[in-house]
C-alpha cells in the first residue's frame, strides 16, 4: 500500500510502499516509478527542497527533509 511522503514545505514529494520498496514521484504530469533496495537511497529535489529516502529495512524507509539555499 502506498503512503504519501511530504517535503519540508508540506507538499507531496512522492508515494512509497514500505513492503515492496516502490517509490512513485509525479511532477508536472510526468510520473516516475522505481524500486529502492534495502540499504539504497533516492533523493528528490523540487525548487529549494530536498527529500531523501533511505530504505533501512524490508519494511521501513527513513526520510530526511531540508531546504537548500536559493541562488540569487
PDB file of N, CA and C in Angstrom:
ATOM      1  N   UNK A   1       0.838  -1.174   0.000  1.00  0.00           N
ATOM      2  CA  UNK A   1       0.000   0.000   0.000  1.00  0.00           C
ATOM      3  C   UNK A   1       0.890   1.248   0.000  1.00  0.00           C
ATOM      4  N   UNK A   2       0.582   2.170  -0.867  1.00  0.00           N
ATOM      5  CA  UNK A   2       1.375   3.388  -0.981  1.00  0.00           C
ATOM      6  C   UNK A   2       0.982   4.391   0.097  1.00  0.00           C
ATOM      7  N   UNK A   3       1.994   5.053   0.643  1.00  0.00           N
ATOM      8  CA  UNK A   3       1.737   6.136   1.592  1.00  0.00           C
ATOM      9  C   UNK A   3       2.450   7.389   1.097  1.00  0.00           C
ATOM     10  N   UNK A   4       1.860   8.532   1.398  1.00  0.00           N
ATOM     11  CA  UNK A   4       2.380   9.809   0.932  1.00  0.00           C
ATOM     12  C   UNK A   4       3.543  10.276   1.800  1.00  0.00           C
ATOM     13  N   UNK A   5       4.578  10.787   1.138  1.00  0.00           N
ATOM     14  CA  UNK A   5       5.710  11.426   1.808  1.00  0.00           C
ATOM     15  C   UNK A   5       5.669  12.904   1.430  1.00  0.00           C
ATOM     16  N   UNK A   6       5.692  13.772   2.428  1.00  0.00           N
ATOM     17  CA  UNK A   6       5.650  15.219   2.181  1.00  0.00           C
ATOM     18  C   UNK A   6       7.049  15.807   2.288  1.00  0.00           C
ATOM     19  N   UNK A   7       7.283  16.881   1.515  1.00  0.00           N
ATOM     20  CA  UNK A   7       8.562  17.577   1.636  1.00  0.00           C
ATOM     21  C   UNK A   7       8.484  18.562   2.803  1.00  0.00           C
ATOM     22  N   UNK A   8       9.541  19.311   3.011  1.00  0.00           N
ATOM     23  CA  UNK A   8       9.607  20.214   4.165  1.00  0.00           C
ATOM     24  C   UNK A   8       8.594  21.359   4.072  1.00  0.00           C
ATOM     25  N   UNK A   9       8.096  21.640   2.866  1.00  0.00           N
ATOM     26  CA  UNK A   9       7.073  22.671   2.679  1.00  0.00           C
ATOM     27  C   UNK A   9       5.666  22.073   2.691  1.00  0.00           C
ATOM     28  N   UNK A  10       5.549  20.830   3.133  1.00  0.00           N
ATOM     29  CA  UNK A  10       4.281  20.112   3.264  1.00  0.00           C
ATOM     30  C   UNK A  10       3.601  19.843   1.914  1.00  0.00           C
ATOM     31  N   UNK A  11       4.403  19.739   0.859  1.00  0.00           N
ATOM     32  CA  UNK A  11       3.889  19.344  -0.457  1.00  0.00           C
ATOM     33  C   UNK A  11       4.178  17.861  -0.651  1.00  0.00           C
ATOM     34  N   UNK A  12       3.386  17.214  -1.476  1.00  0.00           N
ATOM     35  CA  UNK A  12       3.618  15.795  -1.742  1.00  0.00           C
ATOM     36  C   UNK A  12       4.933  15.635  -2.503  1.00  0.00           C
ATOM     37  N   UNK A  13       5.881  14.921  -1.906  1.00  0.00           N
ATOM     38  CA  UNK A  13       7.160  14.656  -2.573  1.00  0.00           C
ATOM     39  C   UNK A  13       7.071  13.381  -3.397  1.00  0.00           C
ATOM     40  N   UNK A  14       6.412  12.353  -2.832  1.00  0.00           N
ATOM     41  CA  UNK A  14       6.292  11.071  -3.523  1.00  0.00           C
ATOM     42  C   UNK A  14       5.383  10.159  -2.717  1.00  0.00           C
ATOM     43  N   UNK A  15       5.204   8.952  -3.252  1.00  0.00           N
ATOM     44  CA  UNK A  15       4.492   7.890  -2.555  1.00  0.00           C
ATOM     45  C   UNK A  15       5.431   6.704  -2.442  1.00  0.00           C
ATOM     46  N   UNK A  16       5.406   6.010  -1.312  1.00  0.00           N
ATOM     47  CA  UNK A  16       6.263   4.838  -1.129  1.00  0.00           C
ATOM     48  C   UNK A  16       5.439   3.654  -0.654  1.00  0.00           C
ATOM     49  N   UNK A  17       5.908   2.475  -1.013  1.00  0.00           N
ATOM     50  CA  UNK A  17       5.369   1.225  -0.480  1.00  0.00           C
ATOM     51  C   UNK A  17       6.483   0.604   0.351  1.00  0.00           C
ATOM     52  N   UNK A  18       6.317   0.592   1.654  1.00  0.00           N
ATOM     53  CA  UNK A  18       7.369   0.117   2.555  1.00  0.00           C
ATOM     54  C   UNK A  18       7.705  -1.358   2.345  1.00  0.00           C
ATOM     55  N   UNK A  19       6.747  -2.168   1.944  1.00  0.00           N
ATOM     56  CA  UNK A  19       6.971  -3.608   1.790  1.00  0.00           C
ATOM     57  C   UNK A  19       7.730  -3.930   0.506  1.00  0.00           C
ATOM     58  N   UNK A  20       7.315  -3.333  -0.621  1.00  0.00           N
ATOM     59  CA  UNK A  20       7.939  -3.650  -1.914  1.00  0.00           C
ATOM     60  C   UNK A  20       9.124  -2.753  -2.245  1.00  0.00           C
ATOM     61  N   UNK A  21       9.221  -1.583  -1.604  1.00  0.00           N
ATOM     62  CA  UNK A  21      10.295  -0.642  -1.905  1.00  0.00           C
ATOM     63  C   UNK A  21      10.003   0.257  -3.089  1.00  0.00           C
ATOM     64  N   UNK A  22       8.774   0.218  -3.588  1.00  0.00           N
ATOM     65  CA  UNK A  22       8.409   1.054  -4.737  1.00  0.00           C
ATOM     66  C   UNK A  22       8.276   2.513  -4.305  1.00  0.00           C
ATOM     67  N   UNK A  23       8.837   3.412  -5.124  1.00  0.00           N
ATOM     68  CA  UNK A  23       8.713   4.854  -4.919  1.00  0.00           C
ATOM     69  C   UNK A  23       8.119   5.440  -6.193  1.00  0.00           C
ATOM     70  N   UNK A  24       7.021   6.191  -6.052  1.00  0.00           N
ATOM     71  CA  UNK A  24       6.384   6.864  -7.189  1.00  0.00           C
ATOM     72  C   UNK A  24       6.472   8.366  -6.968  1.00  0.00           C
ATOM     73  N   UNK A  25       6.922   9.058  -8.005  1.00  0.00           N
ATOM     74  CA  UNK A  25       7.058  10.513  -7.953  1.00  0.00           C
ATOM     75  C   UNK A  25       6.378  11.077  -9.188  1.00  0.00           C
ATOM     76  N   UNK A  26       5.547  12.099  -9.002  1.00  0.00           N
ATOM     77  CA  UNK A  26       4.884  12.734 -10.139  1.00  0.00           C
ATOM     78  C   UNK A  26       5.047  14.240 -10.019  1.00  0.00           C
ATOM     79  N   UNK A  27       5.461  14.858 -11.123  1.00  0.00           N
ATOM     80  CA  UNK A  27       5.630  16.306 -11.157  1.00  0.00           C
ATOM     81  C   UNK A  27       5.318  16.779 -12.562  1.00  0.00           C
ATOM     82  N   UNK A  28       4.432  17.746 -12.668  1.00  0.00           N
ATOM     83  CA  UNK A  28       4.001  18.294 -13.954  1.00  0.00           C
ATOM     84  C   UNK A  28       3.576  17.190 -14.919  1.00  0.00           C
ATOM     85  N   UNK A  29       2.764  16.269 -14.416  1.00  0.00           N
ATOM     86  CA  UNK A  29       2.169  15.167 -15.178  1.00  0.00           C
ATOM     87  C   UNK A  29       3.177  14.153 -15.705  1.00  0.00           C
ATOM     88  N   UNK A  30       4.403  14.187 -15.200  1.00  0.00           N
ATOM     89  CA  UNK A  30       5.407  13.170 -15.546  1.00  0.00           C
ATOM     90  C   UNK A  30       5.576  12.284 -14.318  1.00  0.00           C
ATOM     91  N   UNK A  31       5.285  11.002 -14.490  1.00  0.00           N
ATOM     92  CA  UNK A  31       5.331  10.060 -13.372  1.00  0.00           C
ATOM     93  C   UNK A  31       6.545   9.157 -13.509  1.00  0.00           C
ATOM     94  N   UNK A  32       7.297   9.016 -12.421  1.00  0.00           N
ATOM     95  CA  UNK A  32       8.473   8.153 -12.379  1.00  0.00           C
ATOM     96  C   UNK A  32       8.269   7.138 -11.265  1.00  0.00           C
ATOM     97  N   UNK A  33       8.522   5.878 -11.575  1.00  0.00           N
ATOM     98  CA  UNK A  33       8.409   4.806 -10.588  1.00  0.00           C
ATOM     99  C   UNK A  33       9.713   4.034 -10.559  1.00  0.00           C
ATOM    100  N   UNK A  34      10.193   3.749  -9.357  1.00  0.00           N
ATOM    101  CA  UNK A  34      11.414   2.965  -9.200  1.00  0.00           C
ATOM    102  C   UNK A  34      11.284   2.098  -7.955  1.00  0.00           C
ATOM    103  N   UNK A  35      12.148   1.113  -7.857  1.00  0.00           N
ATOM    104  CA  UNK A  35      12.196   0.262  -6.670  1.00  0.00           C
ATOM    105  C   UNK A  35      13.537   0.475  -5.982  1.00  0.00           C
ATOM    106  N   UNK A  36      13.491   0.758  -4.697  1.00  0.00           N
ATOM    107  CA  UNK A  36      14.694   1.017  -3.909  1.00  0.00           C
ATOM    108  C   UNK A  36      15.007  -0.229  -3.078  1.00  0.00           C
ATOM    109  N   UNK A  37      16.201  -0.757  -3.245  1.00  0.00           N
ATOM    110  CA  UNK A  37      16.627  -1.935  -2.480  1.00  0.00           C
ATOM    111  C   UNK A  37      17.036  -1.526  -1.067  1.00  0.00           C
ATOM    112  N   UNK A  38      16.991  -2.469  -0.148  1.00  0.00           N
ATOM    113  CA  UNK A  38      17.408  -2.216   1.233  1.00  0.00           C
ATOM    114  C   UNK A  38      18.862  -1.739   1.232  1.00  0.00           C
ATOM    115  N   UNK A  39      19.116  -0.640   1.943  1.00  0.00           N
ATOM    116  CA  UNK A  39      20.455  -0.059   2.012  1.00  0.00           C
ATOM    117  C   UNK A  39      20.695   1.043   0.999  1.00  0.00           C
ATOM    118  N   UNK A  40      19.816   1.173   0.008  1.00  0.00           N
ATOM    119  CA  UNK A  40      19.964   2.220  -1.005  1.00  0.00           C
ATOM    120  C   UNK A  40      19.071   3.407  -0.673  1.00  0.00           C
ATOM    121  N   UNK A  41      19.326   4.519  -1.360  1.00  0.00           N
ATOM    122  CA  UNK A  41      18.522   5.713  -1.127  1.00  0.00           C
ATOM    123  C   UNK A  41      18.221   6.412  -2.437  1.00  0.00           C
ATOM    124  N   UNK A  42      17.228   7.292  -2.381  1.00  0.00           N
ATOM    125  CA  UNK A  42      16.840   8.103  -3.529  1.00  0.00           C
ATOM    126  C   UNK A  42      16.645   9.528  -3.021  1.00  0.00           C
ATOM    127  N   UNK A  43      17.015  10.500  -3.840  1.00  0.00           N
ATOM    128  CA  UNK A  43      16.882  11.910  -3.487  1.00  0.00           C
ATOM    129  C   UNK A  43      15.935  12.576  -4.470  1.00  0.00           C
ATOM    130  N   UNK A  44      14.965  13.308  -3.948  1.00  0.00           N
ATOM    131  CA  UNK A  44      14.011  14.045  -4.772  1.00  0.00           C
ATOM    132  C   UNK A  44      14.205  15.523  -4.476  1.00  0.00           C
ATOM    133  N   UNK A  45      14.520  16.298  -5.512  1.00  0.00           N
ATOM    134  CA  UNK A  45      14.702  17.743  -5.368  1.00  0.00           C
ATOM    135  C   UNK A  45      13.591  18.461  -6.110  1.00  0.00           C
ATOM    136  N   UNK A  46      13.018  19.466  -5.464  1.00  0.00           N
ATOM    137  CA  UNK A  46      11.996  20.300  -6.095  1.00  0.00           C
ATOM    138  C   UNK A  46      12.200  21.722  -5.601  1.00  0.00           C
ATOM    139  N   UNK A  47      12.427  22.620  -6.537  1.00  0.00           N
ATOM    140  CA  UNK A  47      12.718  24.011  -6.196  1.00  0.00           C
ATOM    141  C   UNK A  47      13.880  24.047  -5.198  1.00  0.00           C
ATOM    142  N   UNK A  48      13.625  24.522  -3.993  1.00  0.00           N
ATOM    143  CA  UNK A  48      14.700  24.608  -2.994  1.00  0.00           C
ATOM    144  C   UNK A  48      14.547  23.567  -1.885  1.00  0.00           C
ATOM    145  N   UNK A  49      13.774  22.507  -2.142  1.00  0.00           N
ATOM    146  CA  UNK A  49      13.600  21.470  -1.126  1.00  0.00           C
ATOM    147  C   UNK A  49      14.235  20.161  -1.577  1.00  0.00           C
ATOM    148  N   UNK A  50      14.735  19.417  -0.607  1.00  0.00           N
ATOM    149  CA  UNK A  50      15.318  18.098  -0.861  1.00  0.00           C
ATOM    150  C   UNK A  50      14.656  17.108   0.092  1.00  0.00           C
ATOM    151  N   UNK A  51      14.241  15.984  -0.461  1.00  0.00           N
ATOM    152  CA  UNK A  51      13.679  14.897   0.337  1.00  0.00           C
ATOM    153  C   UNK A  51      14.487  13.649   0.022  1.00  0.00           C
ATOM    154  N   UNK A  52      15.151  13.093   1.036  1.00  0.00           N
ATOM    155  CA  UNK A  52      15.956  11.882   0.856  1.00  0.00           C
ATOM    156  C   UNK A  52      15.239  10.709   1.509  1.00  0.00           C
ATOM    157  N   UNK A  53      15.131   9.625   0.760  1.00  0.00           N
ATOM    158  CA  UNK A  53      14.512   8.406   1.269  1.00  0.00           C
ATOM    159  C   UNK A  53      15.556   7.312   1.275  1.00  0.00           C
ATOM    160  N   UNK A  54      15.752   6.678   2.416  1.00  0.00           N
ATOM    161  CA  UNK A  54      16.678   5.558   2.519  1.00  0.00           C
ATOM    162  C   UNK A  54      15.893   4.352   3.010  1.00  0.00           C
ATOM    163  N   UNK A  55      16.023   3.250   2.287  1.00  0.00           N
ATOM    164  CA  UNK A  55      15.335   2.025   2.703  1.00  0.00           C
ATOM    165  C   UNK A  55      16.228   1.303   3.698  1.00  0.00           C
ATOM    166  N   UNK A  56      15.865   1.358   4.962  1.00  0.00           N
ATOM    167  CA  UNK A  56      16.715   0.843   6.031  1.00  0.00           C
ATOM    168  C   UNK A  56      16.406  -0.603   6.403  1.00  0.00           C
ATOM    169  N   UNK A  57      15.237  -1.095   6.007  1.00  0.00           N
ATOM    170  CA  UNK A  57      14.877  -2.491   6.256  1.00  0.00           C
ATOM    171  C   UNK A  57      13.831  -2.894   5.221  1.00  0.00           C
ATOM    172  N   UNK A  58      13.498  -4.181   5.147  1.00  0.00           N
ATOM    173  CA  UNK A  58      12.478  -4.601   4.179  1.00  0.00           C
ATOM    174  C   UNK A  58      11.094  -4.004   4.446  1.00  0.00           C
ATOM    175  N   UNK A  59      10.886  -3.379   5.581  1.00  0.00           N
ATOM    176  CA  UNK A  59       9.583  -2.787   5.889  1.00  0.00           C
ATOM    177  C   UNK A  59       9.630  -1.302   6.234  1.00  0.00           C
ATOM    178  N   UNK A  60      10.770  -0.628   6.037  1.00  0.00           N
ATOM    179  CA  UNK A  60      10.860   0.748   6.526  1.00  0.00           C
ATOM    180  C   UNK A  60      11.753   1.633   5.661  1.00  0.00           C
ATOM    181  N   UNK A  61      11.252   2.855   5.398  1.00  0.00           N
ATOM    182  CA  UNK A  61      12.035   3.920   4.787  1.00  0.00           C
ATOM    183  C   UNK A  61      12.351   4.950   5.859  1.00  0.00           C
ATOM    184  N   UNK A  62      13.538   5.516   5.805  1.00  0.00           N
ATOM    185  CA  UNK A  62      13.932   6.634   6.663  1.00  0.00           C
ATOM    186  C   UNK A  62      13.871   7.877   5.780  1.00  0.00           C
ATOM    187  N   UNK A  63      13.248   8.952   6.269  1.00  0.00           N
ATOM    188  CA  UNK A  63      13.040  10.155   5.463  1.00  0.00           C
ATOM    189  C   UNK A  63      13.785  11.328   6.086  1.00  0.00           C
ATOM    190  N   UNK A  64      14.519  12.058   5.240  1.00  0.00           N
ATOM    191  CA  UNK A  64      15.218  13.278   5.660  1.00  0.00           C
ATOM    192  C   UNK A  64      14.757  14.395   4.736  1.00  0.00           C
ATOM    193  N   UNK A  65      14.359  15.534   5.315  1.00  0.00           N
ATOM    194  CA  UNK A  65      13.848  16.663   4.529  1.00  0.00           C
ATOM    195  C   UNK A  65      14.598  17.929   4.915  1.00  0.00           C
ATOM    196  N   UNK A  66      14.931  18.734   3.915  1.00  0.00           N
ATOM    197  CA  UNK A  66      15.565  20.013   4.226  1.00  0.00           C
ATOM    198  C   UNK A  66      15.466  20.966   3.045  1.00  0.00           C
ATOM    199  N   UNK A  67      15.739  22.238   3.321  1.00  0.00           N
ATOM    200  CA  UNK A  67      15.793  23.279   2.292  1.00  0.00           C
ATOM    201  C   UNK A  67      17.235  23.471   1.859  1.00  0.00           C
ATOM    202  N   UNK A  68      17.413  23.858   0.612  1.00  0.00           N
ATOM    203  CA  UNK A  68      18.728  24.267   0.138  1.00  0.00           C
ATOM    204  C   UNK A  68      18.640  25.752  -0.192  1.00  0.00           C
ATOM    205  N   UNK A  69      19.710  26.490   0.019  1.00  0.00           N
ATOM    206  CA  UNK A  69      19.658  27.928  -0.257  1.00  0.00           C
ATOM    207  C   UNK A  69      19.453  28.188  -1.749  1.00  0.00           C
ATOM    208  N   UNK A  70      18.612  29.170  -2.046  1.00  0.00           N
ATOM    209  CA  UNK A  70      18.406  29.533  -3.447  1.00  0.00           C
ATOM    210  C   UNK A  70      19.548  30.428  -3.906  1.00  0.00           C
ATOM    211  N   UNK A  71      19.879  30.300  -5.174  1.00  0.00           N
ATOM    212  CA  UNK A  71      20.949  31.112  -5.758  1.00  0.00           C
ATOM    213  C   UNK A  71      20.306  32.339  -6.381  1.00  0.00           C
ATOM    214  N   UNK A  72      20.694  33.504  -5.919  1.00  0.00           N
ATOM    215  CA  UNK A  72      20.080  34.744  -6.418  1.00  0.00           C
ATOM    216  C   UNK A  72      20.940  35.396  -7.464  1.00  0.00           C
TER     217      UNK A  72
END
